[in-house]
Amino acid sequence: MTLEILTPEGKVFSGEVTGVQLPGIDGVFEVLDKHAPLVSALKSGKLKVLKDKNATSIYNIQSGFVEVLHNKTMVLVEGAIEE
């Protein structure tokens, strides 16, 4: 699936991934390949990008939203810094 992480300053990440773990307002959840359409609010916390079975990246994000549609996940947040 394609993942994009966007902030008001610009694009932080864009690429093909196997999944992403997100800090939802009611708890952490995961979006995997071919996930059903979804829109959810996000709280500040850690976002984990699952690039493949052995490679991950972690971002500290501020609040925002995520949209999943047609195997593309778009994360729109106030700020994101890679650890």
Protein backbone atom coordinates (compact mmCIF):
# COMPACT_ATOMS: atom_id res chain seq x y z
CA MET A 1 0.00 0.00 0.00
CA THR A 2 1.07 3.60 -0.46
CA LEU A 3 1.62 5.76 2.63
CA GLU A 4 1.94 9.54 2.72
CA ILE A 5 2.61 11.56 5.88
CA LEU A 6 1.88 15.26 5.37
CA THR A 7 2.28 18.30 7.65
CA PRO A 8 1.57 21.99 6.98
CA GLU A 9 5.31 22.34 6.20
CA GLY A 10 5.26 19.61 3.54
CA LYS A 11 5.62 15.90 2.85
CA VAL A 12 7.45 13.94 5.57
CA PHE A 13 7.18 10.44 4.05
CA SER A 14 5.91 8.92 0.83
CA GLY A 15 6.35 5.33 -0.29
CA GLU A 16 5.21 1.73 -0.42
CA VAL A 17 4.77 0.01 2.95
CA THR A 18 3.27 -3.19 4.33
CA GLY A 19 1.44 -1.42 7.16
CA VAL A 20 1.31 1.46 9.62
CA GLN A 21 0.48 1.67 13.34
CA LEU A 22 -1.32 4.87 14.35
CA PRO A 23 -2.22 6.55 17.68
CA GLY A 24 -6.00 6.90 17.38
CA ILE A 25 -7.94 8.93 19.93
CA ASP A 26 -9.35 5.69 21.41
CA GLY A 27 -6.09 3.71 21.19
CA VAL A 28 -3.43 2.44 18.82
CA PHE A 29 -4.63 0.72 15.63
CA GLU A 30 -2.97 -0.74 12.55
CA VAL A 31 -3.72 -0.37 8.85
CA LEU A 32 -2.48 -3.14 6.55
CA ASP A 33 -2.48 -3.74 2.80
CA LYS A 34 -5.96 -3.64 1.20
CA HIS A 35 -7.60 -2.21 4.34
CA ALA A 36 -11.24 -1.14 4.15
CA PRO A 37 -11.92 2.60 3.65
CA LEU A 38 -11.47 4.54 6.89
CA VAL A 39 -11.26 8.07 8.29
CA SER A 40 -10.09 8.55 11.88
CA ALA A 41 -8.81 11.27 14.20
CA LEU A 42 -5.30 10.88 15.58
CA LYS A 43 -3.80 12.08 18.85
CA SER A 44 -0.19 12.98 19.52
CA GLY A 45 2.02 9.91 19.85
CA LYS A 46 4.17 7.46 17.94
CA LEU A 47 3.40 6.41 14.37
CA LYS A 48 5.19 3.24 13.27
CA VAL A 49 5.81 2.64 9.56
CA LEU A 50 6.18 -1.05 8.66
CA LYS A 51 8.28 -0.92 5.50
CA ASP A 52 8.74 -4.70 5.35
CA LYS A 53 9.22 -7.61 7.77
CA ASN A 54 12.58 -6.29 9.02
CA ALA A 55 12.47 -2.51 8.49
CA THR A 56 10.45 0.01 10.46
CA SER A 57 10.51 3.76 11.04
CA ILE A 58 9.00 5.62 13.97
CA TYR A 59 7.68 9.18 13.86
CA ASN A 60 6.56 11.33 16.79
CA ILE A 61 3.42 13.00 15.49
CA GLN A 62 1.09 15.72 16.68
CA SER A 63 -2.67 15.42 16.34
CA GLY A 64 -4.38 15.09 12.98
CA PHE A 65 -6.33 12.68 10.78
CA VAL A 66 -5.82 9.57 8.67
CA GLU A 67 -7.73 8.55 5.54
CA VAL A 68 -7.52 5.08 3.96
CA LEU A 69 -8.97 4.71 0.46
CA HIS A 70 -8.10 2.52 -2.56
CA ASN A 71 -5.00 1.02 -0.84
CA LYS A 72 -3.57 4.48 -0.11
CA THR A 73 -3.15 5.79 3.44
CA MET A 74 -2.90 9.56 3.85
CA VAL A 75 -1.84 10.88 7.28
CA LEU A 76 -2.43 14.61 7.81
CA VAL A 77 -0.88 15.87 11.07
CA GLU A 78 0.21 19.16 12.64
CA GLY A 79 3.80 17.93 12.91
CA ALA A 80 5.96 14.81 12.50
CA ILE A 81 9.58 14.14 13.46
CA GLU A 82 11.38 10.87 12.66
CA GLU A 83 13.12 9.19 15.60
